Amino acid sequence: MVALTDPTLATPAPPDRLSRARRLHGLLALLLVVVALTSLTVGATGVQLWDVAGKLLRGDELSAMERVVLLDIRLPRLAMGLAVGAALAVSGAVMQGLFRNPLADPGIVGVSAGAGLGAILAIVLGGLLPPALAVLPGPYLVPVAAFLGGWVTTLLLYRVATRRGHTSVATMLLAGIALGALTGAVSGVLVYMADDAQLRDLTFWGLGSLAGASWTKLAVALPVIAVSLAGAVLLGRALNALALGEATAAHIGIPVQRMKRLSILCVAAATGAAVAVSGGIGFIGIVVPHLLRLASGPDHRALLINAALLGAALLLVADMISRVVVAPAELPIGIVTAVLGAPVFLWILLRQRGVVDL
């Protein structure tokens, strides 16, 4: 069984490692810019960013297809990939710091399972609502239901794990497993009730995709993700103190209970909004923080920023692969992240058990 704590999370980084982690900011930012520009040139159409840039510099007018492809398809898809990748990676880093376990991810707090159940309810039962009760337009029903499902399960899990004003992360871990099994069972019943068209929608949503990106969806999800990520980054010093133990953190002036609540709130909001607009995308929250911790140390003051940069870049790379590997069709992005992330996750697990040394 994997231990609940890991020695690599036990102490903050020394000054030289912290400076190295901060130097990594620039490299990851440059990588993200390169990946983002490349993402704007990849697609089934022949529209290229460089040709469009040349036209703009010469003062030529863009064609209708170029405007639609770049402004209405690729740019919102790029922005959503940046937001979702950063949200998942930072949420994973916060959860690993909170649980002091490099195998923790946002799914532990019930967001992914609850969001999945909310989406399945909307897809399978949404059509049964009478028009008078269908207050949301069809395109918004699934994202809103997924977000609310993630929030409800997270709040329920928090209530179960909190007693006399104290939240037990161990209880939250075990309750999260039980809650995930329960939501999985309910989801299974709904999937059994679904027709062929609904099953196709469920499969595509469950595997994740950025194909449905739009400026409207982004306007709803981006503020939630941005505020949550800003709050998470501000928790860096408190997470460093928590790595030394709750008692030690309290003795040096960290409000441990308030920090736990804020951490769970930030993770639930960021992951809930990300899952609501992109579906289930796995492994980003586990792999990215662990790789960065190996590269530049465990100091969360730099780790959380680097996680946002690398998570966004990695998701954009996975999205580009999903667009070209079976072009002109599109592979669900969750399959790509699973293929890339599963071997790394297995390596992390073996390293935790002492099977491998590197």
Protein backbone atom coordinates (compact mmCIF):
# COMPACT_ATOMS: atom_id res chain seq x y z
CA MET A 1 0.00 0.00 0.00
CA VAL A 2 1.30 3.47 -0.86
CA ALA A 3 2.21 5.58 2.16
CA LEU A 4 0.11 8.64 2.92
CA THR A 5 3.21 10.82 3.14
CA ASP A 6 6.25 11.19 0.97
CA PRO A 7 9.69 12.45 2.05
CA THR A 8 10.02 14.64 -1.03
CA LEU A 9 7.11 16.72 0.31
CA ALA A 10 8.47 16.99 3.84
CA THR A 11 10.61 20.13 3.73
CA PRO A 12 10.59 23.39 1.76
CA ALA A 13 13.28 23.84 -0.87
CA PRO A 14 16.62 25.48 0.03
CA PRO A 15 17.31 28.93 -1.46
CA ASP A 16 19.36 27.61 -4.41
CA ARG A 17 16.62 25.18 -5.38
CA LEU A 18 14.00 27.92 -5.05
CA SER A 19 15.98 30.18 -7.39
CA ARG A 20 16.27 27.31 -9.85
CA ALA A 21 12.52 26.79 -9.66
CA ARG A 22 11.94 30.47 -10.37
CA ARG A 23 14.31 30.37 -13.34
CA LEU A 24 12.16 27.57 -14.62
CA HIS A 25 9.28 30.08 -14.86
CA GLY A 26 10.90 31.70 -17.89
CA LEU A 27 11.65 28.42 -19.67
CA LEU A 28 8.13 27.11 -19.16
CA ALA A 29 6.62 30.44 -20.24
CA LEU A 30 8.68 30.29 -23.45
CA LEU A 31 7.61 26.69 -24.00
CA LEU A 32 3.98 27.68 -23.53
CA VAL A 33 4.25 30.51 -26.07
CA VAL A 34 5.78 28.16 -28.65
CA VAL A 35 3.16 25.47 -28.04
CA ALA A 36 0.32 28.03 -28.17
CA LEU A 37 1.48 29.48 -31.49
CA THR A 38 1.88 25.99 -32.91
CA SER A 39 -1.60 25.08 -31.71
CA LEU A 40 -3.07 27.91 -33.79
CA THR A 41 -1.58 26.37 -36.95
CA VAL A 42 -2.76 22.77 -36.39
CA GLY A 43 -6.12 21.63 -37.71
CA ALA A 44 -7.99 19.87 -40.48
CA THR A 45 -8.26 23.06 -42.58
CA GLY A 46 -5.41 24.60 -44.53
CA VAL A 47 -5.50 27.88 -42.60
CA GLN A 48 -2.04 28.74 -41.25
CA LEU A 49 -1.25 31.33 -38.61
CA TRP A 50 1.79 32.58 -40.51
CA ASP A 51 -0.24 33.25 -43.68
CA VAL A 52 -2.85 35.13 -41.68
CA ALA A 53 -0.14 37.14 -39.87
CA GLY A 54 1.41 38.05 -43.21
CA LYS A 55 -1.93 39.27 -44.55
CA LEU A 56 -2.50 41.38 -41.46
CA LEU A 57 0.96 42.95 -41.75
CA ARG A 58 0.35 43.78 -45.41
CA GLY A 59 -3.08 45.19 -44.62
CA ASP A 60 -4.90 42.57 -46.69
CA GLU A 61 -8.37 41.48 -45.74
CA LEU A 62 -8.86 38.00 -44.27
CA SER A 63 -11.21 35.57 -45.96
CA ALA A 64 -14.40 34.48 -44.23
CA MET A 65 -12.99 30.99 -43.65
CA GLU A 66 -9.79 32.37 -42.09
CA ARG A 67 -11.77 34.56 -39.70
CA VAL A 68 -14.04 31.70 -38.65
CA VAL A 69 -11.24 29.14 -38.24
CA LEU A 70 -8.90 31.39 -36.27
CA LEU A 71 -11.25 33.66 -34.34
CA ASP A 72 -14.21 31.36 -33.68
CA ILE A 73 -12.60 27.91 -33.53
CA ARG A 74 -8.88 27.87 -32.80
CA LEU A 75 -8.54 30.91 -30.53
CA PRO A 76 -11.32 29.91 -28.08
CA ARG A 77 -9.99 26.35 -28.17
CA LEU A 78 -6.51 27.62 -27.35
CA ALA A 79 -7.82 29.78 -24.50
CA MET A 80 -9.85 26.91 -23.07
CA GLY A 81 -6.85 24.57 -23.30
CA LEU A 82 -4.73 27.08 -21.39
CA ALA A 83 -7.37 27.50 -18.67
CA VAL A 84 -8.24 23.81 -18.28
CA GLY A 85 -4.64 22.60 -18.31
CA ALA A 86 -3.58 25.16 -15.71
CA ALA A 87 -6.63 24.41 -13.54
CA LEU A 88 -6.04 20.65 -13.48
CA ALA A 89 -2.29 20.91 -12.85
CA VAL A 90 -2.53 23.50 -10.07
CA SER A 91 -5.41 21.62 -8.45
CA GLY A 92 -3.29 18.49 -8.46
CA ALA A 93 -0.36 20.33 -6.89
CA VAL A 94 -2.60 21.75 -4.14
CA MET A 95 -4.11 18.34 -3.39
CA GLN A 96 -0.69 16.70 -3.25
CA GLY A 97 0.47 19.37 -0.83
CA LEU A 98 -2.67 19.09 1.27
CA PHE A 99 -2.54 15.29 1.50
CA ARG A 100 1.28 15.18 1.48
CA ASN A 101 1.04 12.45 -1.12
CA PRO A 102 2.37 12.73 -4.71
CA LEU A 103 -0.36 10.34 -5.92
CA ALA A 104 -3.21 12.66 -4.89
CA ASP A 105 -5.24 14.38 -7.59
CA PRO A 106 -8.41 16.52 -7.82
CA GLY A 107 -10.55 13.41 -8.09
CA ILE A 108 -9.95 12.72 -4.39
CA VAL A 109 -12.23 15.58 -3.31
CA GLY A 110 -15.08 14.19 -5.38
CA VAL A 111 -15.10 16.89 -8.05
CA SER A 112 -14.51 14.61 -11.04
CA ALA A 113 -16.97 11.94 -9.90
CA GLY A 114 -19.64 14.48 -8.99
CA ALA A 115 -19.17 16.42 -12.20
CA GLY A 116 -19.43 13.21 -14.20
CA LEU A 117 -22.68 12.28 -12.46
CA GLY A 118 -24.10 15.77 -13.08
CA ALA A 119 -23.24 15.57 -16.77
CA ILE A 120 -24.74 12.09 -17.10
CA LEU A 121 -27.95 13.26 -15.40
CA ALA A 122 -28.20 16.18 -17.82
CA ILE A 123 -27.51 14.04 -20.91
CA VAL A 124 -29.83 11.15 -20.01
CA LEU A 125 -32.64 12.92 -18.17
CA GLY A 126 -32.34 16.49 -19.48
CA GLY A 127 -34.59 15.75 -22.43
CA LEU A 128 -37.37 14.60 -20.10
CA LEU A 129 -37.78 18.06 -18.57
CA PRO A 130 -40.88 19.96 -19.71
CA PRO A 131 -40.13 23.19 -21.61
CA ALA A 132 -41.37 25.29 -18.68
CA LEU A 133 -38.67 23.81 -16.41
CA ALA A 134 -35.85 23.88 -18.95
CA VAL A 135 -34.47 27.23 -17.81
CA LEU A 136 -31.08 26.65 -19.46
CA PRO A 137 -30.49 26.42 -23.22
CA GLY A 138 -29.38 22.99 -24.43
CA PRO A 139 -25.65 23.81 -24.92
CA TYR A 140 -25.34 25.05 -21.32
CA LEU A 141 -27.27 22.29 -19.57
CA VAL A 142 -24.43 19.74 -19.40
CA PRO A 143 -21.65 22.17 -18.28
CA VAL A 144 -23.83 23.73 -15.58
CA ALA A 145 -25.03 20.32 -14.35
CA ALA A 146 -21.43 19.06 -14.26
CA PHE A 147 -20.26 22.08 -12.27
CA LEU A 148 -23.12 21.78 -9.77
CA GLY A 149 -22.52 18.04 -9.44
CA GLY A 150 -18.87 18.60 -8.60
CA TRP A 151 -19.73 21.26 -6.02
CA VAL A 152 -22.43 19.20 -4.31
CA THR A 153 -20.21 16.14 -3.92
CA THR A 154 -17.32 18.25 -2.67
CA LEU A 155 -19.47 19.95 -0.04
CA LEU A 156 -20.86 16.58 1.04
CA LEU A 157 -17.37 15.14 1.32
CA TYR A 158 -16.21 18.14 3.33
CA ARG A 159 -19.11 17.74 5.75
CA VAL A 160 -18.31 14.05 6.25
CA ALA A 161 -14.62 14.75 6.90
CA THR A 162 -15.20 17.69 9.27
CA ARG A 163 -15.95 17.14 12.94
CA ARG A 164 -15.93 19.74 15.68
CA GLY A 165 -14.38 22.27 13.34
CA HIS A 166 -11.49 20.00 12.32
CA THR A 167 -11.17 18.51 8.83
CA SER A 168 -9.35 15.17 8.61
CA VAL A 169 -7.55 14.71 5.29
CA ALA A 170 -7.33 10.95 5.92
CA THR A 171 -11.10 10.75 6.39
CA MET A 172 -11.56 12.85 3.28
CA LEU A 173 -9.39 10.43 1.30
CA LEU A 174 -11.38 7.38 2.41
CA ALA A 175 -14.74 9.13 2.06
CA GLY A 176 -13.73 10.28 -1.42
CA ILE A 177 -13.14 6.67 -2.45
CA ALA A 178 -16.54 5.64 -1.12
CA LEU A 179 -18.29 8.61 -2.71
CA GLY A 180 -16.60 7.90 -6.02
CA ALA A 181 -17.87 4.32 -5.92
CA LEU A 182 -21.40 5.51 -5.12
CA THR A 183 -21.51 8.09 -7.91
CA GLY A 184 -20.04 5.49 -10.25
CA ALA A 185 -22.88 3.09 -9.40
CA VAL A 186 -25.55 5.75 -10.00
CA SER A 187 -23.84 6.73 -13.23
CA GLY A 188 -23.86 3.09 -14.31
CA VAL A 189 -27.62 2.88 -13.83
CA LEU A 190 -28.12 6.03 -15.91
CA VAL A 191 -25.81 4.74 -18.64
CA TYR A 192 -27.87 1.54 -18.73
CA MET A 193 -30.99 3.67 -19.29
CA ALA A 194 -29.44 5.76 -22.09
CA ASP A 195 -30.24 5.31 -25.78
CA ASP A 196 -27.65 5.06 -28.55
CA ALA A 197 -27.35 8.80 -29.16
CA GLN A 198 -27.00 9.53 -25.45
CA LEU A 199 -24.37 6.78 -25.09
CA ARG A 200 -22.31 8.45 -27.79
CA ASP A 201 -22.55 11.79 -25.99
CA LEU A 202 -21.64 10.16 -22.68
CA THR A 203 -18.61 8.45 -24.16
CA PHE A 204 -17.34 11.59 -25.85
CA TRP A 205 -17.86 13.75 -22.74
CA GLY A 206 -16.33 11.19 -20.40
CA LEU A 207 -13.13 10.99 -22.44
CA GLY A 208 -12.77 14.77 -22.61
CA SER A 209 -12.40 17.17 -25.51
CA LEU A 210 -11.83 20.82 -26.31
CA ALA A 211 -13.86 20.58 -29.50
CA GLY A 212 -16.83 22.33 -27.92
CA ALA A 213 -14.82 25.41 -26.98
CA SER A 214 -16.53 28.74 -27.56
CA TRP A 215 -16.19 32.30 -26.34
CA THR A 216 -19.50 31.96 -24.48
CA LYS A 217 -18.40 28.89 -22.51
CA LEU A 218 -15.05 30.51 -21.87
CA ALA A 219 -16.72 33.64 -20.50
CA VAL A 220 -18.52 31.47 -17.93
CA ALA A 221 -15.62 29.19 -16.92
CA LEU A 222 -12.60 31.48 -17.15
CA PRO A 223 -13.48 33.86 -14.26
CA VAL A 224 -14.06 30.91 -11.92
CA ILE A 225 -10.80 29.26 -12.93
CA ALA A 226 -8.80 32.50 -12.77
CA VAL A 227 -10.00 33.42 -9.26
CA SER A 228 -9.45 29.86 -8.03
CA LEU A 229 -5.91 29.69 -9.43
CA ALA A 230 -5.02 33.06 -7.93
CA GLY A 231 -6.25 31.86 -4.55
CA ALA A 232 -4.33 28.59 -4.88
CA VAL A 233 -1.05 30.37 -5.68
CA LEU A 234 -1.45 32.49 -2.54
CA LEU A 235 -1.54 29.27 -0.49
CA GLY A 236 2.03 28.35 -1.41
CA ARG A 237 3.64 29.37 1.88
CA ALA A 238 0.91 27.67 3.93
CA LEU A 239 1.30 24.43 1.96
CA ASN A 240 5.05 24.51 2.63
CA ALA A 241 4.35 24.82 6.35
CA LEU A 242 1.78 22.03 6.24
CA ALA A 243 4.43 19.70 4.80
CA LEU A 244 6.14 19.86 8.22
CA GLY A 245 2.96 18.66 9.95
CA GLU A 246 -0.25 20.31 11.08
CA ALA A 247 1.02 20.94 14.61
CA THR A 248 4.20 22.62 13.38
CA ALA A 249 2.26 24.71 10.86
CA ALA A 250 -0.11 25.88 13.59
CA HIS A 251 2.80 26.77 15.89
CA ILE A 252 4.37 29.05 13.28
CA GLY A 253 1.11 30.93 12.79
CA ILE A 254 -0.59 29.17 9.89
CA PRO A 255 -4.40 28.94 10.29
CA VAL A 256 -4.46 25.27 9.33
CA GLN A 257 -8.21 24.73 9.31
CA ARG A 258 -8.89 27.86 7.26
CA MET A 259 -6.12 26.87 4.86
CA LYS A 260 -7.70 23.44 4.35
CA ARG A 261 -11.07 25.02 3.58
CA LEU A 262 -9.53 27.46 1.11
CA SER A 263 -7.53 24.69 -0.57
CA ILE A 264 -10.59 22.50 -1.03
CA LEU A 265 -12.64 25.50 -2.22
CA CYS A 266 -10.03 26.47 -4.84
CA VAL A 267 -9.64 22.89 -6.08
CA ALA A 268 -13.39 22.31 -6.26
CA ALA A 269 -14.04 25.55 -8.16
CA ALA A 270 -11.12 25.23 -10.60
CA THR A 271 -11.59 21.54 -11.34
CA GLY A 272 -15.37 21.78 -11.43
CA ALA A 273 -15.27 24.58 -14.00
CA ALA A 274 -12.59 22.79 -16.04
CA VAL A 275 -14.40 19.45 -16.09
CA ALA A 276 -17.70 21.16 -16.88
CA VAL A 277 -16.42 22.65 -20.15
CA SER A 278 -13.96 19.96 -21.25
CA GLY A 279 -15.20 16.66 -19.82
CA GLY A 280 -13.04 14.12 -18.03
CA ILE A 281 -9.32 14.62 -18.68
CA GLY A 282 -7.05 12.52 -16.52
CA PHE A 283 -3.42 12.41 -15.38
CA ILE A 284 -2.63 16.13 -15.81
CA GLY A 285 -3.18 16.75 -12.10
CA ILE A 286 -0.93 13.85 -11.05
CA VAL A 287 1.90 13.91 -13.55
CA VAL A 288 2.67 17.62 -13.91
CA PRO A 289 3.23 18.49 -10.21
CA HIS A 290 5.32 15.37 -9.63
CA LEU A 291 7.62 16.03 -12.59
CA LEU A 292 8.11 19.63 -11.50
CA ARG A 293 8.83 18.54 -7.93
CA LEU A 294 11.58 16.28 -9.21
CA ALA A 295 12.99 19.01 -11.46
CA SER A 296 12.98 22.00 -9.14
CA GLY A 297 11.99 20.93 -5.64
CA PRO A 298 8.84 20.95 -3.50
CA ASP A 299 8.51 24.64 -2.66
CA HIS A 300 4.90 25.46 -3.50
CA ARG A 301 5.62 29.18 -3.96
CA ALA A 302 7.25 28.33 -7.30
CA LEU A 303 5.71 24.92 -7.90
CA LEU A 304 2.15 26.21 -8.29
CA ILE A 305 3.14 28.78 -10.92
CA ASN A 306 5.25 26.25 -12.82
CA ALA A 307 2.39 23.74 -12.64
CA ALA A 308 0.04 26.23 -14.30
CA LEU A 309 2.51 26.83 -17.14
CA LEU A 310 3.44 23.20 -17.74
CA GLY A 311 -0.13 21.93 -17.32
CA ALA A 312 -1.40 24.37 -19.94
CA ALA A 313 1.43 23.47 -22.35
CA LEU A 314 0.96 19.72 -21.88
CA LEU A 315 -2.78 19.89 -22.48
CA LEU A 316 -2.26 21.93 -25.66
CA VAL A 317 0.23 19.32 -26.90
CA ALA A 318 -2.28 16.55 -26.17
CA ASP A 319 -4.97 18.54 -27.97
CA MET A 320 -2.78 18.94 -31.06
CA ILE A 321 -2.12 15.20 -31.09
CA SER A 322 -5.84 14.50 -30.79
CA ARG A 323 -6.52 16.71 -33.82
CA VAL A 324 -3.95 15.20 -36.20
CA VAL A 325 -3.64 11.53 -35.28
CA VAL A 326 -6.95 10.52 -36.92
CA ALA A 327 -7.55 13.66 -39.04
CA PRO A 328 -10.00 14.82 -40.29
CA ALA A 329 -11.73 13.12 -37.35
CA GLU A 330 -10.73 13.97 -33.79
CA LEU A 331 -9.58 11.66 -31.00
CA PRO A 332 -10.91 12.43 -27.49
CA ILE A 333 -8.18 14.23 -25.60
CA GLY A 334 -8.61 12.02 -22.54
CA ILE A 335 -7.28 9.07 -24.54
CA VAL A 336 -4.13 11.04 -25.42
CA THR A 337 -3.48 12.17 -21.85
CA ALA A 338 -4.03 8.60 -20.63
CA VAL A 339 -1.51 7.21 -23.13
CA LEU A 340 1.02 9.88 -22.16
CA GLY A 341 0.29 9.92 -18.43
CA ALA A 342 -0.32 6.28 -17.51
CA PRO A 343 3.33 5.18 -17.92
CA VAL A 344 4.50 8.17 -15.87
CA PHE A 345 1.93 7.41 -13.18
CA LEU A 346 3.11 3.79 -13.04
CA TRP A 347 6.70 5.00 -12.72
CA ILE A 348 5.69 7.31 -9.85
CA LEU A 349 3.98 4.39 -8.10
CA LEU A 350 6.99 2.11 -8.53
CA ARG A 351 9.30 4.86 -7.32
CA GLN A 352 7.15 5.31 -4.22
CA ARG A 353 7.48 1.59 -3.46
CA GLY A 354 11.25 1.64 -4.02
CA VAL A 355 11.12 -0.57 -7.10
CA VAL A 356 12.93 2.02 -9.24
CA ASP A 357 15.53 4.55 -8.13
CA LEU A 358 15.32 7.25 -10.83
